[in-house]
Amino acid sequence: MKKPDVVKRVADVSGLTQGDSNRAIKALVKVIQDSLKSGEVVSLSGLGSFRAKARKARQGRNPKTGEVIPVPPGKKVSFKPTTTLRKIIQ
């Protein structure tokens, strides 16, 4: 499902216009991005928690040449679904 499909479904379920639904989804994504950037954990009841996790520096490999290259430390986004969501999709 792509963003336009989500926007349409949100509009259908909520009674909002597609334009209002699109703005609401954009705002939600922006809030999540900004919160993760500042180190906050974002928890959405019934969905799960998003958090930024630190990744250590490591050695990687160029798949074309096989050359070992250093990969610098960074961050990754982690999502942990709620128990309710896990049960729904099983």
Protein backbone atom coordinates (compact mmCIF):
# COMPACT_ATOMS: atom_id res chain seq x y z
CA MET A 1 0.00 0.00 0.00
CA LYS A 2 1.42 3.37 -0.99
CA LYS A 3 0.80 6.80 0.53
CA PRO A 4 -2.10 7.77 -1.81
CA ASP A 5 -3.86 4.53 -0.84
CA VAL A 6 -3.35 5.29 2.85
CA VAL A 7 -4.63 8.86 2.37
CA LYS A 8 -7.77 7.57 0.65
CA ARG A 9 -8.43 4.98 3.35
CA VAL A 10 -7.91 7.50 6.15
CA ALA A 11 -10.31 9.87 4.39
CA ASP A 12 -12.91 7.10 4.00
CA VAL A 13 -12.64 5.93 7.62
CA SER A 14 -12.42 9.36 9.27
CA GLY A 15 -14.80 11.37 7.12
CA LEU A 16 -12.05 13.91 6.40
CA THR A 17 -11.35 15.11 2.89
CA GLN A 18 -8.43 13.52 1.07
CA GLY A 19 -6.60 16.86 1.29
CA ASP A 20 -7.07 17.02 5.07
CA SER A 21 -6.05 13.38 5.41
CA ASN A 22 -2.92 13.99 3.35
CA ARG A 23 -1.96 16.98 5.52
CA ALA A 24 -2.58 14.97 8.71
CA ILE A 25 -0.40 12.10 7.50
CA LYS A 26 2.35 14.51 6.42
CA ALA A 27 2.21 16.16 9.85
CA LEU A 28 2.40 12.79 11.62
CA VAL A 29 5.42 11.73 9.58
CA LYS A 30 7.13 15.08 10.25
CA VAL A 31 6.51 14.81 14.01
CA ILE A 32 7.91 11.27 14.06
CA GLN A 33 10.99 12.33 12.05
CA ASP A 34 11.68 15.35 14.26
CA SER A 35 11.18 13.34 17.45
CA LEU A 36 13.53 10.58 16.32
CA LYS A 37 16.11 13.15 15.23
CA SER A 38 16.07 14.67 18.73
CA GLY A 39 16.43 11.25 20.38
CA GLU A 40 12.85 10.80 21.57
CA VAL A 41 10.97 7.50 21.43
CA VAL A 42 7.63 7.74 19.61
CA SER A 43 4.96 5.36 20.94
CA LEU A 44 1.61 5.04 19.19
CA SER A 45 -1.00 3.06 21.12
CA GLY A 46 -2.17 0.02 19.17
CA LEU A 47 0.69 0.35 16.67
CA GLY A 48 4.11 0.33 18.33
CA SER A 49 7.23 2.31 19.17
CA PHE A 50 9.76 3.98 16.91
CA ARG A 51 13.24 4.74 18.23
CA ALA A 52 16.60 5.73 16.81
CA LYS A 53 19.34 3.25 17.73
CA ALA A 54 23.07 3.83 17.49
CA ARG A 55 25.09 1.58 15.18
CA LYS A 56 28.75 0.92 15.90
CA ALA A 57 31.47 1.37 13.32
CA ARG A 58 32.18 -1.87 11.48
CA GLN A 59 33.94 -3.38 8.52
CA GLY A 60 31.92 -3.74 5.34
CA ARG A 61 32.71 -5.24 1.97
CA ASN A 62 32.34 -3.82 -1.52
CA PRO A 63 30.23 -6.49 -3.26
CA LYS A 64 31.81 -5.83 -6.67
CA THR A 65 35.47 -5.93 -5.66
CA GLY A 66 35.40 -7.75 -2.34
CA GLU A 67 37.46 -4.90 -0.86
CA VAL A 68 37.04 -4.44 2.90
CA ILE A 69 35.92 -0.90 3.70
CA PRO A 70 35.24 0.82 7.02
CA VAL A 71 31.60 1.69 7.69
CA PRO A 72 31.32 4.66 10.07
CA PRO A 73 29.03 4.65 13.11
CA GLY A 74 25.52 5.92 12.53
CA LYS A 75 21.91 5.56 13.57
CA LYS A 76 19.07 3.37 12.40
CA VAL A 77 15.35 3.51 12.99
CA SER A 78 13.88 0.62 14.91
CA PHE A 79 10.17 -0.23 15.15
CA LYS A 80 8.72 -2.53 17.77
CA PRO A 81 5.05 -3.44 17.25
CA THR A 82 2.64 -3.69 20.17
CA THR A 83 1.46 -7.10 21.33
CA THR A 84 -1.99 -6.23 19.96
CA LEU A 85 -0.61 -5.57 16.47
CA ARG A 86 1.48 -8.75 16.55
CA LYS A 87 -1.64 -10.77 17.44
CA ILE A 88 -3.69 -9.12 14.66
CA ILE A 89 -1.24 -10.04 11.91
CA GLN A 90 -0.67 -13.64 13.05
